[in-house]
Amino acid sequence: MLPFARVTIIGLGLIGSSVARAVRQAMPTVRITGYDADPAVRATAVRIDLTDDVADSAGAAVIDADLVMLCVPVGAMGAVAAEFADDLPAEAIVSDVGGSKASVIAALRAVLPQATIVPGHPVAGTEHSGPEAGFATLFRGRWCILTPEEGTAEAPVARLRAFWEALGAQVEIMTPRHHDLVLAVTSHVPHLIAYSIVGTASDLEGVTQSEVIKFSAGGFRDFTRIAASDPVMWRDVFLNNREAVLEILQRLTEDVTMLQRAIRWGDGDQLFDLFTRTRAIRRSIIEQGQDDAKPDFGRTH
């Protein structure tokens, strides 16, 4: 039995359009309604036949939904939910795909006090954006983290788990605060570092007459790939997960200071021990199927 019969996707960018494609592939009888605040995105969704219907407003999109999936930047969650609050069916489940969870829960609960809310975060994506960037296999073999509020009934959580598993994801349950701390380490701070180092290289480019760009090695290429991600989405993630990000940044600052001392004083043993430990972590990521060991991480050219 399908977990949902009528799914509404609000926000038709990379993740939203990938959800639509994945639902069509895995659950072809599910009715999908899409909505995006940008008329141009809605027009593109119609042109590429992304969903069964494309609504002209958030309220119209949710009228008969039994699952409403919010695929908008985390800073816009509350405002978007307020747009459809009066039209949301009492039995519908509201979920999302945002990269921070505590702030999203607070924003949604403020405008949907009686709704069944099961926040989620598929840990998957690319540096591309827009409705044409999505693909049905984006979530296959990846993790989706659900962060239900304390006291949430088991049935809606089980339905969301079944939904994401049908799209090929592995599902983990966490508290919102733990999610935000884990993702600050594994995603948010790495993105912040990428944005920072690419910005530094841009400043140096004038001094080095474009040599930074011309002679980019693999490491810098990967930084630029991460730093090409949606700036609106990542601005909102950092502002809405500031406490966890600042906590991890402080720890990172201390660790970088330690590395500075090791390099300054020629402590090769400390450097070697760290690099050996981090290399093992990288191999574990590959072994667990979260990346590809092929050259250039399996990317084609």
Protein backbone atom coordinates (compact mmCIF):
# COMPACT_ATOMS: atom_id res chain seq x y z
CA MET A 1 0.00 0.00 0.00
CA LEU A 2 1.31 3.46 -0.92
CA PRO A 3 2.08 5.79 2.02
CA PHE A 4 0.40 8.73 0.23
CA ALA A 5 -1.98 9.14 -2.69
CA ARG A 6 -1.76 12.90 -3.27
CA VAL A 7 1.57 14.70 -2.80
CA THR A 8 2.06 18.46 -3.05
CA ILE A 9 5.58 19.78 -3.62
CA ILE A 10 6.12 23.45 -2.86
CA GLY A 11 9.39 24.70 -4.33
CA LEU A 12 10.40 23.14 -7.66
CA GLY A 13 14.16 23.56 -7.63
CA LEU A 14 16.76 20.78 -7.57
CA ILE A 15 15.34 18.90 -4.58
CA GLY A 16 11.65 19.53 -5.27
CA SER A 17 11.92 18.53 -8.91
CA SER A 18 13.94 15.45 -7.93
CA VAL A 19 11.22 14.45 -5.44
CA ALA A 20 8.63 14.82 -8.22
CA ARG A 21 10.63 12.70 -10.64
CA ALA A 22 11.40 10.07 -8.01
CA VAL A 23 7.74 9.80 -6.98
CA ARG A 24 6.68 9.37 -10.61
CA GLN A 25 9.25 6.63 -11.08
CA ALA A 26 8.66 4.76 -7.81
CA MET A 27 4.94 5.45 -7.23
CA PRO A 28 3.43 6.23 -10.64
CA THR A 29 -0.18 6.25 -9.40
CA VAL A 30 0.47 9.04 -6.88
CA ARG A 31 -1.06 12.38 -7.91
CA ILE A 32 1.58 15.15 -7.76
CA THR A 33 0.75 18.84 -7.51
CA GLY A 34 3.55 21.40 -7.74
CA TYR A 35 3.85 25.05 -6.82
CA ASP A 36 6.66 27.59 -6.91
CA ALA A 37 6.53 31.28 -6.08
CA ASP A 38 8.45 32.10 -9.25
CA PRO A 39 6.12 32.21 -12.31
CA ALA A 40 9.05 31.34 -14.58
CA VAL A 41 9.72 28.17 -12.59
CA ARG A 42 6.05 27.24 -12.76
CA ALA A 43 6.11 27.74 -16.52
CA THR A 44 9.16 25.52 -16.82
CA ALA A 45 7.49 22.85 -14.69
CA VAL A 46 4.51 22.87 -17.04
CA ARG A 47 6.75 22.75 -20.12
CA ILE A 48 8.73 19.73 -18.92
CA ASP A 49 5.62 18.00 -17.50
CA LEU A 50 7.21 17.79 -14.06
CA THR A 51 3.98 17.25 -12.09
CA ASP A 52 0.38 16.31 -12.82
CA ASP A 53 -0.77 19.82 -11.89
CA VAL A 54 0.98 23.14 -11.28
CA ALA A 55 -1.01 25.42 -8.98
CA ASP A 56 -0.99 29.23 -9.09
CA SER A 57 -0.87 29.61 -5.30
CA ALA A 58 0.33 27.69 -2.27
CA GLY A 59 -3.21 27.46 -0.94
CA ALA A 60 -4.57 25.96 -4.14
CA ALA A 61 -1.69 23.48 -4.22
CA VAL A 62 -2.49 21.88 -0.85
CA ILE A 63 -6.28 21.69 -0.97
CA ASP A 64 -6.53 17.91 -1.42
CA ALA A 65 -3.01 16.84 -0.38
CA ASP A 66 -2.25 14.14 2.14
CA LEU A 67 1.48 15.03 2.08
CA VAL A 68 2.81 18.56 1.66
CA MET A 69 6.57 18.63 1.02
CA LEU A 70 8.23 22.03 1.48
CA CYS A 71 11.29 22.32 -0.75
CA VAL A 72 12.08 25.99 -0.20
CA PRO A 73 15.00 27.71 1.58
CA VAL A 74 14.74 27.26 5.35
CA GLY A 75 14.33 31.00 5.88
CA ALA A 76 11.13 30.95 3.79
CA MET A 77 9.44 27.95 5.45
CA GLY A 78 7.25 29.92 7.86
CA ALA A 79 6.09 32.45 5.30
CA VAL A 80 5.20 29.77 2.76
CA ALA A 81 3.34 27.71 5.36
CA ALA A 82 1.35 30.81 6.35
CA GLU A 83 0.20 31.12 2.73
CA PHE A 84 -1.50 27.71 2.77
CA ALA A 85 -2.44 27.41 6.46
CA ASP A 86 -6.14 28.09 5.87
CA ASP A 87 -6.36 25.53 3.04
CA LEU A 88 -4.37 22.67 4.60
CA PRO A 89 -6.51 19.53 5.08
CA ALA A 90 -6.72 18.49 8.74
CA GLU A 91 -5.41 14.99 7.97
CA ALA A 92 -2.44 16.12 5.83
CA ILE A 93 1.15 15.61 6.93
CA VAL A 94 3.55 18.53 6.43
CA SER A 95 7.22 17.78 5.88
CA ASP A 96 10.24 19.54 4.39
CA VAL A 97 13.73 18.99 3.03
CA GLY A 98 15.57 21.80 4.82
CA GLY A 99 19.17 21.59 5.99
CA SER A 100 18.44 22.91 9.51
CA LYS A 101 15.67 21.51 11.65
CA ALA A 102 15.16 23.30 14.99
CA SER A 103 14.46 26.65 13.31
CA VAL A 104 12.19 25.05 10.70
CA ILE A 105 10.09 23.31 13.35
CA ALA A 106 9.69 26.58 15.24
CA ALA A 107 8.70 28.47 12.09
CA LEU A 108 6.19 25.87 10.94
CA ARG A 109 4.65 25.32 14.35
CA ALA A 110 4.11 29.07 14.75
CA VAL A 111 1.77 29.19 11.74
CA LEU A 112 0.49 25.59 11.74
CA PRO A 113 -0.18 24.96 15.44
CA GLN A 114 -2.55 22.01 14.89
CA ALA A 115 -0.90 20.39 11.89
CA THR A 116 0.91 17.05 11.82
CA ILE A 117 4.50 18.06 11.09
CA VAL A 118 7.29 15.55 10.45
CA PRO A 119 10.41 17.48 9.39
CA GLY A 120 12.93 15.76 7.16
CA HIS A 121 16.25 16.29 5.44
CA PRO A 122 17.41 14.19 2.49
CA VAL A 123 21.20 14.40 2.64
CA ALA A 124 21.64 14.60 -1.10
CA GLY A 125 22.14 17.27 -3.72
CA THR A 126 24.38 18.77 -6.36
CA GLU A 127 25.74 22.24 -7.03
CA HIS A 128 23.05 22.78 -9.67
CA SER A 129 19.64 24.35 -9.14
CA GLY A 130 16.30 24.82 -10.88
CA PRO A 131 13.52 22.47 -12.01
CA GLU A 132 15.55 21.05 -14.89
CA ALA A 133 18.45 20.11 -12.59
CA GLY A 134 16.54 17.39 -10.74
CA PHE A 135 16.75 13.66 -11.42
CA ALA A 136 14.85 10.66 -10.09
CA THR A 137 17.83 8.80 -8.61
CA LEU A 138 19.14 11.68 -6.49
CA PHE A 139 18.06 10.03 -3.22
CA ARG A 140 18.96 6.45 -4.09
CA GLY A 141 21.34 5.03 -1.49
CA ARG A 142 21.49 8.36 0.38
CA TRP A 143 20.31 9.13 3.90
CA CYS A 144 17.13 10.98 4.76
CA ILE A 145 16.97 12.17 8.35
CA LEU A 146 13.55 12.60 9.99
CA THR A 147 13.35 14.81 13.08
CA PRO A 148 9.85 14.50 14.58
CA GLU A 149 8.96 16.63 17.56
CA GLU A 150 8.72 14.94 20.94
CA GLY A 151 5.27 13.39 21.28
CA THR A 152 4.65 12.94 17.55
CA ALA A 153 2.55 9.84 16.86
CA GLU A 154 4.32 6.86 15.30
CA ALA A 155 1.97 6.50 12.32
CA PRO A 156 2.91 9.71 10.42
CA VAL A 157 6.60 9.09 11.04
CA ALA A 158 6.21 5.56 9.66
CA ARG A 159 4.44 6.91 6.57
CA LEU A 160 7.27 9.39 5.91
CA ARG A 161 9.82 6.64 6.40
CA ALA A 162 8.00 4.46 3.87
CA PHE A 163 7.80 7.39 1.45
CA TRP A 164 11.54 8.09 1.49
CA GLU A 165 12.44 4.42 1.40
CA ALA A 166 10.28 4.07 -1.71
CA LEU A 167 12.43 6.80 -3.29
CA GLY A 168 15.54 4.75 -2.52
CA ALA A 169 16.75 6.55 0.60
CA GLN A 170 17.92 5.11 3.90
CA VAL A 171 16.08 6.69 6.81
CA GLU A 172 17.46 7.74 10.20
CA ILE A 173 15.55 9.33 13.10
CA MET A 174 17.23 12.09 15.14
CA THR A 175 16.24 14.88 17.47
CA PRO A 176 16.27 18.28 15.73
CA ARG A 177 19.16 19.58 17.83
CA HIS A 178 21.32 16.51 17.18
CA HIS A 179 20.60 16.76 13.47
CA ASP A 180 21.69 20.39 13.40
CA LEU A 181 24.97 19.59 15.16
CA VAL A 182 25.76 16.59 12.94
CA LEU A 183 25.01 18.53 9.75
CA ALA A 184 27.07 21.49 10.94
CA VAL A 185 30.06 19.13 10.99
CA THR A 186 29.34 17.15 7.84
CA SER A 187 27.84 19.79 5.55
CA HIS A 188 27.43 23.34 6.79
CA VAL A 189 30.95 24.16 7.94
CA PRO A 190 32.54 22.41 4.90
CA HIS A 191 30.40 24.63 2.67
CA LEU A 192 31.44 27.69 4.67
CA ILE A 193 35.10 26.75 4.24
CA ALA A 194 34.57 26.27 0.49
CA TYR A 195 32.93 29.66 0.12
CA SER A 196 35.73 31.23 2.14
CA ILE A 197 38.69 29.67 0.31
CA VAL A 198 37.18 30.32 -3.13
CA GLY A 199 36.63 33.94 -2.09
CA THR A 200 40.26 34.15 -0.96
CA ALA A 201 41.42 32.73 -4.29
CA SER A 202 39.28 35.28 -6.10
CA ASP A 203 41.00 38.07 -4.16
CA LEU A 204 44.40 36.61 -5.03
CA GLU A 205 43.56 36.18 -8.71
CA GLY A 206 44.39 39.79 -9.54
CA VAL A 207 47.77 39.47 -7.86
CA THR A 208 48.64 36.21 -9.60
CA GLN A 209 47.21 37.15 -13.02
CA SER A 210 44.63 34.32 -12.99
CA GLU A 211 47.13 31.61 -12.08
CA VAL A 212 44.97 30.47 -9.16
CA ILE A 213 42.21 29.59 -11.60
CA LYS A 214 44.46 28.42 -14.42
CA PHE A 215 46.42 25.95 -12.29
CA SER A 216 43.60 24.73 -10.06
CA ALA A 217 44.39 21.29 -8.67
CA GLY A 218 41.81 18.68 -7.65
CA GLY A 219 41.31 20.01 -4.15
CA PHE A 220 40.51 23.52 -5.31
CA ARG A 221 38.22 22.19 -8.04
CA ASP A 222 36.20 20.38 -5.39
CA PHE A 223 36.01 23.53 -3.29
CA THR A 224 34.69 25.49 -6.26
CA ARG A 225 32.10 22.78 -6.95
CA ILE A 226 30.75 23.07 -3.40
CA ALA A 227 30.90 26.86 -3.50
CA ALA A 228 28.72 26.88 -6.63
CA SER A 229 25.70 25.79 -4.56
CA ASP A 230 22.54 27.90 -4.28
CA PRO A 231 23.51 31.09 -2.38
CA VAL A 232 19.99 31.75 -1.06
CA MET A 233 19.67 28.26 0.36
CA TRP A 234 23.05 28.38 2.07
CA ARG A 235 22.59 31.91 3.42
CA ASP A 236 19.43 30.69 5.13
CA VAL A 237 21.07 27.52 6.43
CA PHE A 238 23.84 29.45 8.16
CA LEU A 239 21.50 32.02 9.66
CA ASN A 240 19.08 29.36 10.88
CA ASN A 241 21.68 26.94 12.26
CA ARG A 242 24.00 29.57 13.65
CA GLU A 243 24.53 28.06 17.10
CA ALA A 244 25.68 24.66 15.85
CA VAL A 245 27.76 26.22 13.06
CA LEU A 246 29.50 28.61 15.45
CA GLU A 247 30.17 25.75 17.88
CA ILE A 248 31.86 23.67 15.18
CA LEU A 249 33.72 26.69 13.77
CA GLN A 250 35.22 27.34 17.21
CA ARG A 251 36.43 23.76 17.40
CA LEU A 252 37.79 23.98 13.85
CA THR A 253 39.63 27.19 14.72
CA GLU A 254 41.33 25.43 17.63
CA ASP A 255 42.30 22.47 15.43
CA VAL A 256 43.70 24.76 12.70
CA THR A 257 45.78 26.55 15.35
CA MET A 258 47.15 23.16 16.41
CA LEU A 259 48.10 22.44 12.78
CA GLN A 260 49.79 25.82 12.49
CA ARG A 261 51.96 24.95 15.48
CA ALA A 262 52.79 21.52 14.06
CA ILE A 263 53.87 23.02 10.72
CA ARG A 264 55.79 25.86 12.36
CA TRP A 265 57.74 23.52 14.63
CA GLY A 266 58.21 20.78 12.05
CA ASP A 267 56.14 18.21 13.96
CA GLY A 268 55.80 15.69 11.13
CA ASP A 269 54.56 12.93 13.43
CA GLN A 270 51.49 14.94 14.44
CA LEU A 271 50.72 15.79 10.83
CA PHE A 272 51.17 12.18 9.73
CA ASP A 273 48.92 10.86 12.52
CA LEU A 274 46.14 13.31 11.61
CA PHE A 275 46.36 12.61 7.89
CA THR A 276 46.32 8.84 8.52
CA ARG A 277 43.22 9.13 10.71
CA THR A 278 41.35 11.34 8.23
CA ARG A 279 42.30 9.06 5.35
CA ALA A 280 40.62 6.18 7.18
CA ILE A 281 37.48 8.28 7.60
CA ARG A 282 37.42 8.96 3.86
CA ARG A 283 37.70 5.25 3.11
CA SER A 284 34.82 4.56 5.49
CA ILE A 285 32.62 7.02 3.59
CA ILE A 286 33.30 5.13 0.36
CA GLU A 287 32.74 1.75 2.02
CA GLN A 288 29.33 2.89 3.27
CA GLY A 289 28.31 3.86 -0.27
CA GLN A 290 28.21 7.62 0.33
CA ASP A 291 30.72 8.42 -2.43
CA ASP A 292 32.59 6.83 -5.29
CA ALA A 293 36.19 5.66 -5.18
CA LYS A 294 36.67 6.08 -8.91
CA PRO A 295 38.99 8.88 -10.16
CA ASP A 296 37.62 12.38 -9.60
CA PHE A 297 34.88 10.86 -7.38
CA GLY A 298 33.21 9.18 -10.34
CA ARG A 299 32.28 12.43 -12.10
CA THR A 300 32.19 12.32 -15.87
CA HIS A 301 33.66 14.98 -18.13
